[in-house]
Protein backbone atom coordinates (compact mmCIF):
# COMPACT_ATOMS: atom_id res chain seq x y z
CA MET A 1 99.25 122.85 104.67
CA ALA A 2 96.11 123.13 101.98
CA GLU A 3 98.85 120.55 99.75
CA ASP A 4 98.35 117.69 102.65
CA ARG A 5 94.77 118.27 102.20
CA GLN A 6 94.34 117.01 98.94
CA THR A 7 96.96 114.47 98.48
CA PRO A 8 98.41 112.08 100.94
CA PRO A 9 101.72 112.46 100.94
CA GLY A 10 103.28 110.09 98.89
CA LYS A 11 100.71 109.44 97.00
CA LYS A 12 99.67 109.87 92.96
CA THR A 13 95.94 110.09 92.31
CA PRO A 14 95.23 107.24 90.05
CA PRO A 15 93.08 107.92 87.20
CA ASP A 16 90.38 105.55 88.41
CA ARG A 17 90.31 107.33 91.75
CA GLN A 18 90.21 110.93 91.06
CA ALA A 19 86.75 112.30 91.97
CA PRO A 20 83.94 113.10 88.91
CA PRO A 21 83.55 116.60 87.86
CA ASP A 22 80.20 116.92 89.74
CA GLY A 23 80.62 119.89 91.45
CA GLN A 24 81.37 118.22 94.52
CA ALA A 25 84.93 117.43 93.39
CA PRO A 26 88.20 119.19 93.65
CA PRO A 27 89.86 120.85 90.48
CA ASP A 28 92.78 119.31 88.55
CA GLY A 29 91.18 115.83 89.30
CA GLN A 30 93.19 115.71 92.45
CA THR A 31 92.06 113.30 95.25
CA PRO A 32 89.33 114.33 97.25
CA SER A 33 90.36 115.85 101.04
CA TYR A 34 89.34 112.53 103.65
CA GLU A 35 85.93 114.62 104.59
CA GLN A 36 84.73 115.36 101.00
CA ALA A 37 84.92 111.83 100.04
CA ARG A 38 83.92 110.56 103.37
CA GLU A 39 80.54 113.27 102.53
CA GLU A 40 80.06 112.52 99.00
CA LEU A 41 80.51 108.63 100.63
CA THR A 42 77.57 109.03 102.86
CA ASP A 43 75.55 111.01 100.33
CA VAL A 44 76.24 107.62 98.20
CA VAL A 45 74.65 105.42 100.90
CA ARG A 46 71.74 107.45 101.19
CA ARG A 47 70.85 107.36 97.56
CA LEU A 48 71.19 103.76 97.36
CA GLU A 49 69.06 103.03 100.48
CA THR A 50 66.61 105.37 99.57
CA GLY A 51 65.90 103.45 96.34
CA GLY A 52 64.13 104.02 93.00
CA LEU A 53 67.19 103.82 90.84
CA THR A 54 67.67 101.56 88.15
CA LEU A 55 70.05 98.43 88.49
CA GLU A 56 72.83 100.36 86.75
CA GLN A 57 72.27 103.62 88.25
CA SER A 58 72.50 101.44 91.66
CA ILE A 59 75.97 99.40 90.31
CA GLU A 60 77.29 102.65 89.23
CA LEU A 61 76.73 104.51 92.63
CA TRP A 62 77.83 101.29 94.16
CA GLU A 63 81.02 101.58 92.54
CA ARG A 64 81.78 105.15 93.26
CA GLY A 65 81.20 104.19 96.72
CA GLU A 66 83.49 101.65 96.82
CA ARG A 67 86.33 104.06 95.14
CA LEU A 68 85.35 106.72 98.22
CA ALA A 69 85.42 104.28 100.96
CA ALA A 70 88.92 103.12 99.47
CA ILE A 71 89.93 106.76 99.23
CA CYS A 72 88.96 107.15 103.34
CA GLU A 73 91.16 104.08 103.97
CA GLU A 74 94.28 105.62 102.62
CA TRP A 75 93.39 108.80 104.44
CA LEU A 76 92.93 107.18 107.17
CA GLN A 77 96.09 105.06 107.01
CA GLY A 78 98.37 108.12 106.19
CA ALA A 79 96.96 109.48 109.54
CA ARG A 80 97.78 106.11 111.24
CA ALA A 81 101.68 106.08 110.00
CA LYS A 82 102.03 109.96 110.90
CA LEU A 83 101.22 109.13 114.35
CA ALA A 84 102.70 106.06 114.26
CA ALA A 85 106.31 108.71 113.82
CA ALA A 86 104.93 111.01 115.57
CA MET A 87 104.79 108.57 119.05
CA ALA A 88 107.97 107.23 117.83
CA GLN A 89 109.87 110.60 117.49
CA ARG A 90 108.50 111.55 120.97
CA GLN A 91 110.00 108.26 122.85
CA GLU A 92 113.33 108.67 121.17
CA PRO A 93 115.65 110.14 123.54
CA GLN A 94 117.19 113.87 123.04
CA PRO A 95 120.31 114.21 121.95
CA ASN A 96 122.73 116.82 124.73
CA GLY A 97 119.39 116.15 126.89
CA PRO A 98 118.49 114.50 130.64
CA GLU A 99 117.97 111.01 129.98
CA GLU A 100 114.88 110.61 132.46
CA ALA A 101 112.03 113.49 132.25
CA PRO A 102 112.53 116.02 135.58
CA PHE A 103 109.41 115.60 136.73
C-alpha cells in the first residue's frame, strides 16, 4: 500500500501543497507522507527557533510550516475517518451470524 502512504484517499495534491524539490520531498510533486511532513515541520520549527534568519527567510519558513501543518492535519483527518469507518463496520450486525456474541 505504498500508494496510500503518499496521497490521502480521495485527495489530489493542490499546487500550493506540493513539496519543494529539496531532496526531502517525494518525487513527482506528490504530497509527502505524514511522517515526512511532520519531520520537515519539526526542522522548520527548529530553524525558526534558532534564529539568525532574515525576515524574508523567516516568513518563507513560516509559510512552509503552515503548509506542512495543513498536510499533517489532512493525514490525521483521513486516519480518523478510516478508524471511524472501521469501528462502525465492526459494530454492524453480521448477516447470517449470531445476534449476540458467543462469549
